[in-house]
Amino acid sequence: MITTTTPTIEGKKITKYLGIVTGETIIGANLFRDFFAGIRDIVGGRSSSYEEVLRQAKDTALREMQQYAMSLGANAIVGVDLDYETVGNGGSMLMVTASGTAVFYED
Protein backbone atom coordinates (compact mmCIF):
# COMPACT_ATOMS: atom_id res chain seq x y z
CA MET A 1 0.00 0.00 0.00
CA ILE A 2 1.33 3.41 -0.97
CA THR A 3 1.46 5.66 2.09
CA THR A 4 2.58 9.22 1.45
CA THR A 5 2.62 12.63 3.08
CA THR A 6 1.81 14.27 -0.24
CA PRO A 7 -1.79 15.01 -1.32
CA THR A 8 -1.35 13.17 -4.63
CA ILE A 9 0.43 10.12 -5.98
CA GLU A 10 2.69 10.97 -8.90
CA GLY A 11 1.67 9.15 -12.05
CA LYS A 12 -1.54 7.79 -10.49
CA LYS A 13 -5.12 8.98 -10.76
CA ILE A 14 -7.06 8.99 -7.48
CA THR A 15 -10.59 7.86 -8.35
CA LYS A 16 -12.14 7.50 -4.89
CA TYR A 17 -11.67 9.26 -1.58
CA LEU A 18 -12.78 6.86 1.15
CA GLY A 19 -12.36 9.04 4.22
CA ILE A 20 -9.96 9.87 7.01
CA VAL A 21 -8.16 6.95 8.61
CA THR A 22 -6.11 6.88 11.79
CA GLY A 23 -3.89 4.58 13.77
CA GLU A 24 -2.83 5.15 17.36
CA THR A 25 -0.46 3.59 19.80
CA ILE A 26 0.45 4.41 23.38
CA ILE A 27 3.64 3.08 24.89
CA GLY A 28 5.09 3.36 28.36
CA ALA A 29 8.71 4.14 29.07
CA ASN A 30 10.28 1.86 31.62
CA LEU A 31 12.27 3.07 34.62
CA PHE A 32 15.65 1.69 33.52
CA ARG A 33 15.38 3.14 30.04
CA ASP A 34 14.55 6.54 31.60
CA PHE A 35 17.50 6.28 33.95
CA PHE A 36 20.05 5.41 31.26
CA ALA A 37 18.61 7.99 28.84
CA GLY A 38 19.07 10.60 31.58
CA ILE A 39 22.72 9.61 32.01
CA ARG A 40 23.27 9.75 28.27
CA ASP A 41 21.69 13.23 28.17
CA ILE A 42 24.19 14.39 30.81
CA VAL A 43 27.25 13.02 29.00
CA GLY A 44 25.93 13.68 25.50
CA GLY A 45 25.01 11.40 22.67
CA ARG A 46 21.85 9.83 21.37
CA SER A 47 19.49 7.62 23.32
CA SER A 48 19.18 4.57 21.09
CA SER A 49 16.70 2.91 23.46
CA TYR A 50 14.26 5.83 23.10
CA GLU A 51 14.84 6.00 19.36
CA GLU A 52 13.93 2.32 19.03
CA VAL A 53 10.75 2.77 21.10
CA LEU A 54 9.73 5.77 18.98
CA ARG A 55 10.36 3.80 15.79
CA GLN A 56 8.27 0.88 17.03
CA ALA A 57 5.41 3.18 18.07
CA LYS A 58 5.45 4.95 14.70
CA ASP A 59 5.47 1.64 12.81
CA THR A 60 2.54 0.33 14.87
CA ALA A 61 0.46 3.47 14.31
CA LEU A 62 1.15 3.39 10.56
CA ARG A 63 0.34 -0.33 10.34
CA GLU A 64 -3.00 0.17 12.15
CA MET A 65 -3.87 3.08 9.87
CA GLN A 66 -3.05 0.99 6.77
CA GLN A 67 -5.19 -1.91 8.02
CA TYR A 68 -8.11 0.46 8.57
CA ALA A 69 -7.67 1.88 5.05
CA MET A 70 -7.57 -1.62 3.52
CA SER A 71 -10.81 -2.50 5.32
CA LEU A 72 -12.42 0.44 3.48
CA GLY A 73 -11.16 -0.83 0.11
CA ALA A 74 -8.30 1.65 -0.24
CA ASN A 75 -5.03 0.90 -1.99
CA ALA A 76 -3.24 4.05 -0.77
CA ILE A 77 -3.23 6.73 1.90
CA VAL A 78 -2.38 10.34 1.08
CA GLY A 79 -1.73 13.37 3.27
CA VAL A 80 -0.26 11.29 6.11
CA ASP A 81 0.60 13.15 9.31
CA LEU A 82 2.36 11.79 12.40
CA ASP A 83 1.84 13.34 15.83
CA TYR A 84 3.76 12.56 19.02
CA GLU A 85 2.39 13.48 22.46
CA THR A 86 3.25 12.58 26.02
CA VAL A 87 0.33 11.41 28.13
CA GLY A 88 -0.24 9.89 31.53
CA ASN A 89 0.88 10.86 34.96
CA GLY A 90 3.92 13.11 34.56
CA GLY A 91 4.17 12.35 30.84
CA SER A 92 5.12 8.74 31.55
CA MET A 93 3.69 7.43 28.28
CA LEU A 94 4.07 8.37 24.65
CA MET A 95 1.18 8.46 22.19
CA VAL A 96 1.84 8.31 18.46
CA THR A 97 -1.02 9.04 16.08
CA ALA A 98 -0.95 8.56 12.31
CA SER A 99 -3.72 10.04 10.17
CA GLY A 100 -4.37 10.42 6.47
CA THR A 101 -6.95 10.08 3.73
CA ALA A 102 -7.72 6.60 2.40
CA VAL A 103 -7.98 6.59 -1.39
CA PHE A 104 -8.30 4.25 -4.34
CA TYR A 105 -6.07 5.00 -7.31
CA GLU A 106 -5.69 3.70 -10.84
CA ASP A 107 -2.60 3.72 -13.05
PDB file of N, CA and C in Angstrom:
ATOM      1  N   MET A   1       0.838  -1.181   0.000  1.00  0.00           N
ATOM      2  CA  MET A   1       0.000   0.000   0.000  1.00  0.00           C
ATOM      3  C   MET A   1       0.877   1.236   0.000  1.00  0.00           C
ATOM      4  N   ILE A   2       0.602   2.146  -0.941  1.00  0.00           N
ATOM      5  CA  ILE A   2       1.329   3.414  -0.966  1.00  0.00           C
ATOM      6  C   ILE A   2       0.827   4.268   0.189  1.00  0.00           C
ATOM      7  N   THR A   3       1.759   4.774   0.965  1.00  0.00           N
ATOM      8  CA  THR A   3       1.456   5.663   2.087  1.00  0.00           C
ATOM      9  C   THR A   3       2.368   6.868   1.942  1.00  0.00           C
ATOM     10  N   THR A   4       1.775   8.045   1.752  1.00  0.00           N
ATOM     11  CA  THR A   4       2.580   9.218   1.445  1.00  0.00           C
ATOM     12  C   THR A   4       2.080  10.460   2.184  1.00  0.00           C
ATOM     13  N   THR A   5       2.979  11.361   2.448  1.00  0.00           N
ATOM     14  CA  THR A   5       2.617  12.628   3.085  1.00  0.00           C
ATOM     15  C   THR A   5       2.089  13.637   2.072  1.00  0.00           C
ATOM     16  N   THR A   6       2.260  13.347   0.806  1.00  0.00           N
ATOM     17  CA  THR A   6       1.806  14.269  -0.236  1.00  0.00           C
ATOM     18  C   THR A   6       0.311  14.097  -0.498  1.00  0.00           C
ATOM     19  N   PRO A   7      -0.354  15.118  -1.064  1.00  0.00           N
ATOM     20  CA  PRO A   7      -1.793  15.011  -1.317  1.00  0.00           C
ATOM     21  C   PRO A   7      -2.140  14.236  -2.585  1.00  0.00           C
ATOM     22  N   THR A   8      -1.142  13.918  -3.395  1.00  0.00           N
ATOM     23  CA  THR A   8      -1.354  13.172  -4.630  1.00  0.00           C
ATOM     24  C   THR A   8      -0.313  12.067  -4.732  1.00  0.00           C
ATOM     25  N   ILE A   9      -0.537  11.172  -5.708  1.00  0.00           N
ATOM     26  CA  ILE A   9       0.431  10.115  -5.982  1.00  0.00           C
ATOM     27  C   ILE A   9       0.903  10.321  -7.414  1.00  0.00           C
ATOM     28  N   GLU A  10       2.166  10.652  -7.572  1.00  0.00           N
ATOM     29  CA  GLU A  10       2.690  10.970  -8.898  1.00  0.00           C
ATOM     30  C   GLU A  10       2.465   9.816  -9.866  1.00  0.00           C
ATOM     31  N   GLY A  11       1.903  10.133 -11.016  1.00  0.00           N
ATOM     32  CA  GLY A  11       1.665   9.147 -12.053  1.00  0.00           C
ATOM     33  C   GLY A  11       0.428   8.292 -11.848  1.00  0.00           C
ATOM     34  N   LYS A  12      -0.328   8.559 -10.792  1.00  0.00           N
ATOM     35  CA  LYS A  12      -1.542   7.790 -10.493  1.00  0.00           C
ATOM     36  C   LYS A  12      -2.736   8.730 -10.453  1.00  0.00           C
ATOM     37  N   LYS A  13      -3.892   8.202 -10.801  1.00  0.00           N
ATOM     38  CA  LYS A  13      -5.123   8.984 -10.756  1.00  0.00           C
ATOM     39  C   LYS A  13      -5.970   8.482  -9.596  1.00  0.00           C
ATOM     40  N   ILE A  14      -6.205   9.356  -8.612  1.00  0.00           N
ATOM     41  CA  ILE A  14      -7.062   8.995  -7.482  1.00  0.00           C
ATOM     42  C   ILE A  14      -8.503   9.061  -7.966  1.00  0.00           C
ATOM     43  N   THR A  15      -9.213   7.930  -7.850  1.00  0.00           N
ATOM     44  CA  THR A  15     -10.586   7.862  -8.350  1.00  0.00           C
ATOM     45  C   THR A  15     -11.624   7.854  -7.235  1.00  0.00           C
ATOM     46  N   LYS A  16     -11.208   7.513  -6.026  1.00  0.00           N
ATOM     47  CA  LYS A  16     -12.140   7.499  -4.890  1.00  0.00           C
ATOM     48  C   LYS A  16     -11.430   7.992  -3.636  1.00  0.00           C
ATOM     49  N   TYR A  17     -12.121   8.848  -2.909  1.00  0.00           N
ATOM     50  CA  TYR A  17     -11.673   9.262  -1.585  1.00  0.00           C
ATOM     51  C   TYR A  17     -12.580   8.554  -0.588  1.00  0.00           C
ATOM     52  N   LEU A  18     -11.994   7.730   0.270  1.00  0.00           N
ATOM     53  CA  LEU A  18     -12.776   6.859   1.145  1.00  0.00           C
ATOM     54  C   LEU A  18     -12.874   7.355   2.584  1.00  0.00           C
ATOM     55  N   GLY A  19     -12.238   8.462   2.886  1.00  0.00           N
ATOM     56  CA  GLY A  19     -12.358   9.042   4.220  1.00  0.00           C
ATOM     57  C   GLY A  19     -11.053   9.074   4.994  1.00  0.00           C
ATOM     58  N   ILE A  20     -11.123   9.737   6.118  1.00  0.00           N
ATOM     59  CA  ILE A  20      -9.959   9.868   7.006  1.00  0.00           C
ATOM     60  C   ILE A  20      -9.760   8.563   7.765  1.00  0.00           C
ATOM     61  N   VAL A  21      -8.512   8.144   7.840  1.00  0.00           N
ATOM     62  CA  VAL A  21      -8.158   6.952   8.609  1.00  0.00           C
ATOM     63  C   VAL A  21      -7.083   7.316   9.620  1.00  0.00           C
ATOM     64  N   THR A  22      -7.092   6.612  10.738  1.00  0.00           N
ATOM     65  CA  THR A  22      -6.114   6.879  11.794  1.00  0.00           C
ATOM     66  C   THR A  22      -5.579   5.572  12.355  1.00  0.00           C
ATOM     67  N   GLY A  23      -4.466   5.680  12.995  1.00  0.00           N
ATOM     68  CA  GLY A  23      -3.888   4.585  13.771  1.00  0.00           C
ATOM     69  C   GLY A  23      -3.220   5.203  14.978  1.00  0.00           C
ATOM     70  N   GLU A  24      -3.400   4.597  16.133  1.00  0.00           N
ATOM     71  CA  GLU A  24      -2.834   5.153  17.359  1.00  0.00           C
ATOM     72  C   GLU A  24      -2.113   4.067  18.139  1.00  0.00           C
ATOM     73  N   THR A  25      -1.120   4.489  18.864  1.00  0.00           N
ATOM     74  CA  THR A  25      -0.460   3.588  19.800  1.00  0.00           C
ATOM     75  C   THR A  25       0.024   4.395  20.997  1.00  0.00           C
ATOM     76  N   ILE A  26      -0.057   3.789  22.157  1.00  0.00           N
ATOM     77  CA  ILE A  26       0.447   4.408  23.378  1.00  0.00           C
ATOM     78  C   ILE A  26       1.425   3.436  24.005  1.00  0.00           C
ATOM     79  N   ILE A  27       2.613   3.930  24.300  1.00  0.00           N
ATOM     80  CA  ILE A  27       3.644   3.079  24.894  1.00  0.00           C
ATOM     81  C   ILE A  27       4.145   3.713  26.173  1.00  0.00           C
ATOM     82  N   GLY A  28       4.524   2.881  27.104  1.00  0.00           N
ATOM     83  CA  GLY A  28       5.094   3.359  28.356  1.00  0.00           C
ATOM     84  C   GLY A  28       6.605   3.261  28.304  1.00  0.00           C
ATOM     85  N   ALA A  29       7.250   4.172  28.970  1.00  0.00           N
ATOM     86  CA  ALA A  29       8.709   4.139  29.071  1.00  0.00           C
ATOM     87  C   ALA A  29       9.071   3.497  30.400  1.00  0.00           C
ATOM     88  N   ASN A  30       9.970   2.524  30.359  1.00  0.00           N
ATOM     89  CA  ASN A  30      10.284   1.863  31.625  1.00  0.00           C
ATOM     90  C   ASN A  30      11.346   2.623  32.419  1.00  0.00           C
ATOM     91  N   LEU A  31      11.409   2.342  33.680  1.00  0.00           N
ATOM     92  CA  LEU A  31      12.270   3.066  34.616  1.00  0.00           C
ATOM     93  C   LEU A  31      13.743   2.999  34.235  1.00  0.00           C
ATOM     94  N   PHE A  32      14.231   1.825  33.853  1.00  0.00           N
ATOM     95  CA  PHE A  32      15.651   1.692  33.523  1.00  0.00           C
ATOM     96  C   PHE A  32      16.011   2.454  32.251  1.00  0.00           C
ATOM     97  N   ARG A  33      15.135   2.405  31.276  1.00  0.00           N
ATOM     98  CA  ARG A  33      15.384   3.144  30.039  1.00  0.00           C
ATOM     99  C   ARG A  33      15.448   4.631  30.357  1.00  0.00           C
ATOM    100  N   ASP A  34      14.534   5.133  31.205  1.00  0.00           N
ATOM    101  CA  ASP A  34      14.548   6.543  31.601  1.00  0.00           C
ATOM    102  C   ASP A  34      15.850   6.899  32.303  1.00  0.00           C
ATOM    103  N   PHE A  35      16.290   6.031  33.193  1.00  0.00           N
ATOM    104  CA  PHE A  35      17.503   6.279  33.954  1.00  0.00           C
ATOM    105  C   PHE A  35      18.710   6.386  33.029  1.00  0.00           C
ATOM    106  N   PHE A  36      18.885   5.412  32.149  1.00  0.00           N
ATOM    107  CA  PHE A  36      20.047   5.415  31.263  1.00  0.00           C
ATOM    108  C   PHE A  36      19.965   6.526  30.214  1.00  0.00           C
ATOM    109  N   ALA A  37      18.767   6.871  29.773  1.00  0.00           N
ATOM    110  CA  ALA A  37      18.615   7.986  28.845  1.00  0.00           C
ATOM    111  C   ALA A  37      19.020   9.279  29.534  1.00  0.00           C
ATOM    112  N   GLY A  38      18.680   9.419  30.820  1.00  0.00           N
ATOM    113  CA  GLY A  38      19.072  10.603  31.583  1.00  0.00           C
ATOM    114  C   GLY A  38      20.577  10.722  31.698  1.00  0.00           C
ATOM    115  N   ILE A  39      21.250   9.608  31.942  1.00  0.00           N
ATOM    116  CA  ILE A  39      22.718   9.610  32.012  1.00  0.00           C
ATOM    117  C   ILE A  39      23.302  10.002  30.664  1.00  0.00           C
ATOM    118  N   ARG A  40      22.774   9.439  29.604  1.00  0.00           N
ATOM    119  CA  ARG A  40      23.274   9.753  28.270  1.00  0.00           C
ATOM    120  C   ARG A  40      23.076  11.231  27.963  1.00  0.00           C
ATOM    121  N   ASP A  41      21.932  11.804  28.400  1.00  0.00           N
ATOM    122  CA  ASP A  41      21.694  13.227  28.170  1.00  0.00           C
ATOM    123  C   ASP A  41      22.741  14.072  28.877  1.00  0.00           C
ATOM    124  N   ILE A  42      23.187  13.634  30.047  1.00  0.00           N
ATOM    125  CA  ILE A  42      24.189  14.390  30.806  1.00  0.00           C
ATOM    126  C   ILE A  42      25.538  14.344  30.102  1.00  0.00           C
ATOM    127  N   VAL A  43      25.931  13.171  29.616  1.00  0.00           N
ATOM    128  CA  VAL A  43      27.254  13.020  29.003  1.00  0.00           C
ATOM    129  C   VAL A  43      27.222  13.239  27.493  1.00  0.00           C
ATOM    130  N   GLY A  44      26.059  13.433  26.930  1.00  0.00           N
ATOM    131  CA  GLY A  44      25.930  13.680  25.496  1.00  0.00           C
ATOM    132  C   GLY A  44      25.660  12.397  24.732  1.00  0.00           C
ATOM    133  N   GLY A  45      25.275  12.547  23.518  1.00  0.00           N
ATOM    134  CA  GLY A  45      25.005  11.400  22.670  1.00  0.00           C
ATOM    135  C   GLY A  45      23.523  11.176  22.468  1.00  0.00           C
ATOM    136  N   ARG A  46      23.234  10.160  21.698  1.00  0.00           N
ATOM    137  CA  ARG A  46      21.848   9.832  21.372  1.00  0.00           C
ATOM    138  C   ARG A  46      21.367   8.698  22.253  1.00  0.00           C
ATOM    139  N   SER A  47      20.088   8.688  22.519  1.00  0.00           N
ATOM    140  CA  SER A  47      19.491   7.624  23.318  1.00  0.00           C
ATOM    141  C   SER A  47      18.878   6.596  22.373  1.00  0.00           C
ATOM    142  N   SER A  48      19.646   5.569  22.049  1.00  0.00           N
ATOM    143  CA  SER A  48      19.177   4.572  21.089  1.00  0.00           C
ATOM    144  C   SER A  48      17.970   3.800  21.611  1.00  0.00           C
ATOM    145  N   SER A  49      17.852   3.632  22.924  1.00  0.00           N
ATOM    146  CA  SER A  49      16.698   2.911  23.461  1.00  0.00           C
ATOM    147  C   SER A  49      15.414   3.694  23.202  1.00  0.00           C
ATOM    148  N   TYR A  50      15.444   5.015  23.384  1.00  0.00           N
ATOM    149  CA  TYR A  50      14.262   5.834  23.096  1.00  0.00           C
ATOM    150  C   TYR A  50      13.977   5.880  21.601  1.00  0.00           C
ATOM    151  N   GLU A  51      15.032   5.965  20.807  1.00  0.00           N
ATOM    152  CA  GLU A  51      14.843   6.000  19.360  1.00  0.00           C
ATOM    153  C   GLU A  51      14.165   4.729  18.876  1.00  0.00           C
ATOM    154  N   GLU A  52      14.535   3.592  19.416  1.00  0.00           N
ATOM    155  CA  GLU A  52      13.929   2.320  19.029  1.00  0.00           C
ATOM    156  C   GLU A  52      12.458   2.269  19.443  1.00  0.00           C
ATOM    157  N   VAL A  53      12.141   2.741  20.635  1.00  0.00           N
ATOM    158  CA  VAL A  53      10.754   2.767  21.101  1.00  0.00           C
ATOM    159  C   VAL A  53       9.917   3.688  20.215  1.00  0.00           C
ATOM    160  N   LEU A  54      10.446   4.853  19.868  1.00  0.00           N
ATOM    161  CA  LEU A  54       9.733   5.770  18.984  1.00  0.00           C
ATOM    162  C   LEU A  54       9.486   5.136  17.616  1.00  0.00           C
ATOM    163  N   ARG A  55      10.486   4.462  17.093  1.00  0.00           N
ATOM    164  CA  ARG A  55      10.362   3.801  15.790  1.00  0.00           C
ATOM    165  C   ARG A  55       9.282   2.720  15.834  1.00  0.00           C
ATOM    166  N   GLN A  56       9.275   1.934  16.895  1.00  0.00           N
ATOM    167  CA  GLN A  56       8.267   0.876  17.034  1.00  0.00           C
ATOM    168  C   GLN A  56       6.862   1.466  17.140  1.00  0.00           C
ATOM    169  N   ALA A  57       6.716   2.538  17.910  1.00  0.00           N
ATOM    170  CA  ALA A  57       5.412   3.177  18.073  1.00  0.00           C
ATOM    171  C   ALA A  57       4.925   3.748  16.747  1.00  0.00           C
ATOM    172  N   LYS A  58       5.809   4.395  16.013  1.00  0.00           N
ATOM    173  CA  LYS A  58       5.450   4.953  14.702  1.00  0.00           C
ATOM    174  C   LYS A  58       5.019   3.847  13.753  1.00  0.00           C
ATOM    175  N   ASP A  59       5.791   2.768  13.699  1.00  0.00           N
ATOM    176  CA  ASP A  59       5.472   1.642  12.811  1.00  0.00           C
ATOM    177  C   ASP A  59       4.123   1.023  13.158  1.00  0.00           C
ATOM    178  N   THR A  60       3.827   0.893  14.438  1.00  0.00           N
ATOM    179  CA  THR A  60       2.544   0.328  14.868  1.00  0.00           C
ATOM    180  C   THR A  60       1.387   1.221  14.462  1.00  0.00           C
ATOM    181  N   ALA A  61       1.525   2.531  14.684  1.00  0.00           N
ATOM    182  CA  ALA A  61       0.458   3.470  14.314  1.00  0.00           C
ATOM    183  C   ALA A  61       0.222   3.460  12.804  1.00  0.00           C
ATOM    184  N   LEU A  62       1.299   3.433  12.017  1.00  0.00           N
ATOM    185  CA  LEU A  62       1.150   3.388  10.563  1.00  0.00           C
ATOM    186  C   LEU A  62       0.498   2.078  10.112  1.00  0.00           C
ATOM    187  N   ARG A  63       0.902   0.976  10.697  1.00  0.00           N
ATOM    188  CA  ARG A  63       0.342  -0.331  10.339  1.00  0.00           C
ATOM    189  C   ARG A  63      -1.161  -0.375  10.642  1.00  0.00           C
ATOM    190  N   GLU A  64      -1.574   0.135  11.805  1.00  0.00           N
ATOM    191  CA  GLU A  64      -2.998   0.168  12.154  1.00  0.00           C
ATOM    192  C   GLU A  64      -3.781   1.048  11.186  1.00  0.00           C
ATOM    193  N   MET A  65      -3.213   2.192  10.812  1.00  0.00           N
ATOM    194  CA  MET A  65      -3.871   3.079   9.867  1.00  0.00           C
ATOM    195  C   MET A  65      -4.031   2.392   8.512  1.00  0.00           C
ATOM    196  N   GLN A  66      -2.996   1.696   8.057  1.00  0.00           N
ATOM    197  CA  GLN A  66      -3.053   0.988   6.774  1.00  0.00           C
ATOM    198  C   GLN A  66      -4.096  -0.131   6.807  1.00  0.00           C
ATOM    199  N   GLN A  67      -4.186  -0.850   7.910  1.00  0.00           N
ATOM    200  CA  GLN A  67      -5.187  -1.914   8.025  1.00  0.00           C
ATOM    201  C   GLN A  67      -6.597  -1.338   7.962  1.00  0.00           C
ATOM    202  N   TYR A  68      -6.813  -0.211   8.608  1.00  0.00           N
ATOM    203  CA  TYR A  68      -8.108   0.457   8.569  1.00  0.00           C
ATOM    204  C   TYR A  68      -8.444   0.866   7.130  1.00  0.00           C
ATOM    205  N   ALA A  69      -7.455   1.450   6.438  1.00  0.00           N
ATOM    206  CA  ALA A  69      -7.669   1.879   5.054  1.00  0.00           C
ATOM    207  C   ALA A  69      -8.003   0.687   4.156  1.00  0.00           C
ATOM    208  N   MET A  70      -7.302  -0.423   4.324  1.00  0.00           N
ATOM    209  CA  MET A  70      -7.573  -1.616   3.517  1.00  0.00           C
ATOM    210  C   MET A  70      -8.982  -2.134   3.766  1.00  0.00           C
ATOM    211  N   SER A  71      -9.455  -2.037   5.012  1.00  0.00           N
ATOM    212  CA  SER A  71     -10.810  -2.505   5.319  1.00  0.00           C
ATOM    213  C   SER A  71     -11.874  -1.659   4.616  1.00  0.00           C
ATOM    214  N   LEU A  72     -11.515  -0.439   4.210  1.00  0.00           N
ATOM    215  CA  LEU A  72     -12.423   0.437   3.476  1.00  0.00           C
ATOM    216  C   LEU A  72     -12.318   0.231   1.965  1.00  0.00           C
ATOM    217  N   GLY A  73     -11.359  -0.595   1.537  1.00  0.00           N
ATOM    218  CA  GLY A  73     -11.157  -0.831   0.112  1.00  0.00           C
ATOM    219  C   GLY A  73     -10.114   0.067  -0.521  1.00  0.00           C
ATOM    220  N   ALA A  74      -9.318   0.743   0.274  1.00  0.00           N
ATOM    221  CA  ALA A  74      -8.297   1.652  -0.240  1.00  0.00           C
ATOM    222  C   ALA A  74      -7.051   0.877  -0.682  1.00  0.00           C
ATOM    223  N   ASN A  75      -6.322   1.460  -1.626  1.00  0.00           N
ATOM    224  CA  ASN A  75      -5.029   0.903  -1.990  1.00  0.00           C
ATOM    225  C   ASN A  75      -3.902   1.912  -1.764  1.00  0.00           C
ATOM    226  N   ALA A  76      -4.251   3.051  -1.130  1.00  0.00           N
ATOM    227  CA  ALA A  76      -3.240   4.049  -0.774  1.00  0.00           C
ATOM    228  C   ALA A  76      -3.797   4.977   0.296  1.00  0.00           C
ATOM    229  N   ILE A  77      -2.873   5.694   0.937  1.00  0.00           N
ATOM    230  CA  ILE A  77      -3.235   6.730   1.902  1.00  0.00           C
ATOM    231  C   ILE A  77      -2.405   7.958   1.557  1.00  0.00           C
ATOM    232  N   VAL A  78      -3.078   9.089   1.395  1.00  0.00           N
ATOM    233  CA  VAL A  78      -2.384  10.339   1.081  1.00  0.00           C
ATOM    234  C   VAL A  78      -2.528  11.315   2.242  1.00  0.00           C
ATOM    235  N   GLY A  79      -1.648  12.324   2.251  1.00  0.00           N
ATOM    236  CA  GLY A  79      -1.726  13.367   3.271  1.00  0.00           C
ATOM    237  C   GLY A  79      -1.440  12.864   4.670  1.00  0.00           C
ATOM    238  N   VAL A  80      -0.538  11.899   4.798  1.00  0.00           N
ATOM    239  CA  VAL A  80      -0.255  11.289   6.105  1.00  0.00           C
ATOM    240  C   VAL A  80       0.454  12.287   7.018  1.00  0.00           C
ATOM    241  N   ASP A  81       0.005  12.306   8.276  1.00  0.00           N
ATOM    242  CA  ASP A  81       0.597  13.154   9.306  1.00  0.00           C
ATOM    243  C   ASP A  81       0.857  12.298  10.540  1.00  0.00           C
ATOM    244  N   LEU A  82       2.010  12.482  11.157  1.00  0.00           N
ATOM    245  CA  LEU A  82       2.356  11.785  12.399  1.00  0.00           C
ATOM    246  C   LEU A  82       2.432  12.796  13.524  1.00  0.00           C
ATOM    247  N   ASP A  83       1.797  12.477  14.652  1.00  0.00           N
ATOM    248  CA  ASP A  83       1.842  13.337  15.832  1.00  0.00           C
ATOM    249  C   ASP A  83       2.366  12.537  17.005  1.00  0.00           C
ATOM    250  N   TYR A  84       3.198  13.171  17.816  1.00  0.00           N
ATOM    251  CA  TYR A  84       3.761  12.561  19.016  1.00  0.00           C
ATOM    252  C   TYR A  84       3.358  13.411  20.217  1.00  0.00           C
ATOM    253  N   GLU A  85       2.808  12.778  21.242  1.00  0.00           N
ATOM    254  CA  GLU A  85       2.395  13.482  22.459  1.00  0.00           C
ATOM    255  C   GLU A  85       2.752  12.636  23.669  1.00  0.00           C
ATOM    256  N   THR A  86       3.085  13.298  24.764  1.00  0.00           N
ATOM    257  CA  THR A  86       3.254  12.577  26.020  1.00  0.00           C
ATOM    258  C   THR A  86       1.931  12.626  26.765  1.00  0.00           C
ATOM    259  N   VAL A  87       1.571  11.523  27.374  1.00  0.00           N
ATOM    260  CA  VAL A  87       0.326  11.413  28.129  1.00  0.00           C
ATOM    261  C   VAL A  87       0.606  10.665  29.421  1.00  0.00           C
ATOM    262  N   GLY A  88      -0.388  10.616  30.277  1.00  0.00           N
ATOM    263  CA  GLY A  88      -0.244   9.885  31.530  1.00  0.00           C
ATOM    264  C   GLY A  88       0.298  10.764  32.635  1.00  0.00           C
ATOM    265  N   ASN A  89       0.406  10.169  33.775  1.00  0.00           N
ATOM    266  CA  ASN A  89       0.877  10.862  34.965  1.00  0.00           C
ATOM    267  C   ASN A  89       2.328  11.293  34.782  1.00  0.00           C
ATOM    268  N   GLY A  90       2.563  12.584  34.715  1.00  0.00           N
ATOM    269  CA  GLY A  90       3.920  13.106  34.557  1.00  0.00           C
ATOM    270  C   GLY A  90       4.508  12.845  33.184  1.00  0.00           C
ATOM    271  N   GLY A  91       3.665  12.614  32.179  1.00  0.00           N
ATOM    272  CA  GLY A  91       4.173  12.352  30.835  1.00  0.00           C
ATOM    273  C   GLY A  91       4.891  11.037  30.728  1.00  0.00           C
ATOM    274  N   SER A  92       4.423  10.032  31.476  1.00  0.00           N
ATOM    275  CA  SER A  92       5.118   8.744  31.547  1.00  0.00           C
ATOM    276  C   SER A  92       4.879   7.850  30.339  1.00  0.00           C
ATOM    277  N   MET A  93       3.958   8.249  29.457  1.00  0.00           N
ATOM    278  CA  MET A  93       3.688   7.435  28.279  1.00  0.00           C
ATOM    279  C   MET A  93       3.729   8.314  27.034  1.00  0.00           C
ATOM    280  N   LEU A  94       3.986   7.675  25.919  1.00  0.00           N
ATOM    281  CA  LEU A  94       4.066   8.372  24.647  1.00  0.00           C
ATOM    282  C   LEU A  94       2.955   7.881  23.741  1.00  0.00           C
ATOM    283  N   MET A  95       2.227   8.810  23.142  1.00  0.00           N
ATOM    284  CA  MET A  95       1.178   8.464  22.190  1.00  0.00           C
ATOM    285  C   MET A  95       1.626   8.912  20.808  1.00  0.00           C
ATOM    286  N   VAL A  96       1.534   8.002  19.848  1.00  0.00           N
ATOM    287  CA  VAL A  96       1.835   8.314  18.458  1.00  0.00           C
ATOM    288  C   VAL A  96       0.558   8.104  17.659  1.00  0.00           C
ATOM    289  N   THR A  97       0.176   9.108  16.898  1.00  0.00           N
ATOM    290  CA  THR A  97      -1.024   9.043  16.080  1.00  0.00           C
ATOM    291  C   THR A  97      -0.643   9.281  14.624  1.00  0.00           C
ATOM    292  N   ALA A  98      -1.122   8.395  13.750  1.00  0.00           N
ATOM    293  CA  ALA A  98      -0.953   8.561  12.311  1.00  0.00           C
ATOM    294  C   ALA A  98      -2.331   8.811  11.715  1.00  0.00           C
ATOM    295  N   SER A  99      -2.435   9.784  10.828  1.00  0.00           N
ATOM    296  CA  SER A  99      -3.716  10.044  10.173  1.00  0.00           C
ATOM    297  C   SER A  99      -3.465  10.395   8.712  1.00  0.00           C
ATOM    298  N   GLY A 100      -4.469  10.129   7.893  1.00  0.00           N
ATOM    299  CA  GLY A 100      -4.373  10.421   6.474  1.00  0.00           C
ATOM    300  C   GLY A 100      -5.705  10.178   5.809  1.00  0.00           C
ATOM    301  N   THR A 101      -5.741  10.298   4.503  1.00  0.00           N
ATOM    302  CA  THR A 101      -6.952  10.079   3.731  1.00  0.00           C
ATOM    303  C   THR A 101      -6.804   8.798   2.923  1.00  0.00           C
ATOM    304  N   ALA A 102      -7.714   7.857   3.142  1.00  0.00           N
ATOM    305  CA  ALA A 102      -7.723   6.595   2.403  1.00  0.00           C
ATOM    306  C   ALA A 102      -8.271   6.873   1.010  1.00  0.00           C
ATOM    307  N   VAL A 103      -7.566   6.373  -0.008  1.00  0.00           N
ATOM    308  CA  VAL A 103      -7.980   6.591  -1.394  1.00  0.00           C
ATOM    309  C   VAL A 103      -7.850   5.301  -2.202  1.00  0.00           C
ATOM    310  N   PHE A 104      -8.488   5.310  -3.356  1.00  0.00           N
ATOM    311  CA  PHE A 104      -8.301   4.249  -4.341  1.00  0.00           C
ATOM    312  C   PHE A 104      -7.775   4.914  -5.600  1.00  0.00           C
ATOM    313  N   TYR A 105      -6.675   4.412  -6.114  1.00  0.00           N
ATOM    314  CA  TYR A 105      -6.070   5.002  -7.313  1.00  0.00           C
ATOM    315  C   TYR A 105      -6.009   3.975  -8.441  1.00  0.00           C
ATOM    316  N   GLU A 106      -5.890   4.510  -9.644  1.00  0.00           N
ATOM    317  CA  GLU A 106      -5.686   3.700 -10.844  1.00  0.00           C
ATOM    318  C   GLU A 106      -4.440   4.200 -11.546  1.00  0.00           C
ATOM    319  N   ASP A 107      -3.811   3.310 -12.295  1.00  0.00           N
ATOM    320  CA  ASP A 107      -2.595   3.717 -13.048  1.00  0.00           C
ATOM    321  C   ASP A 107      -2.944   4.578 -14.228  1.00  0.00           C
TER     322      ASP A 107
END
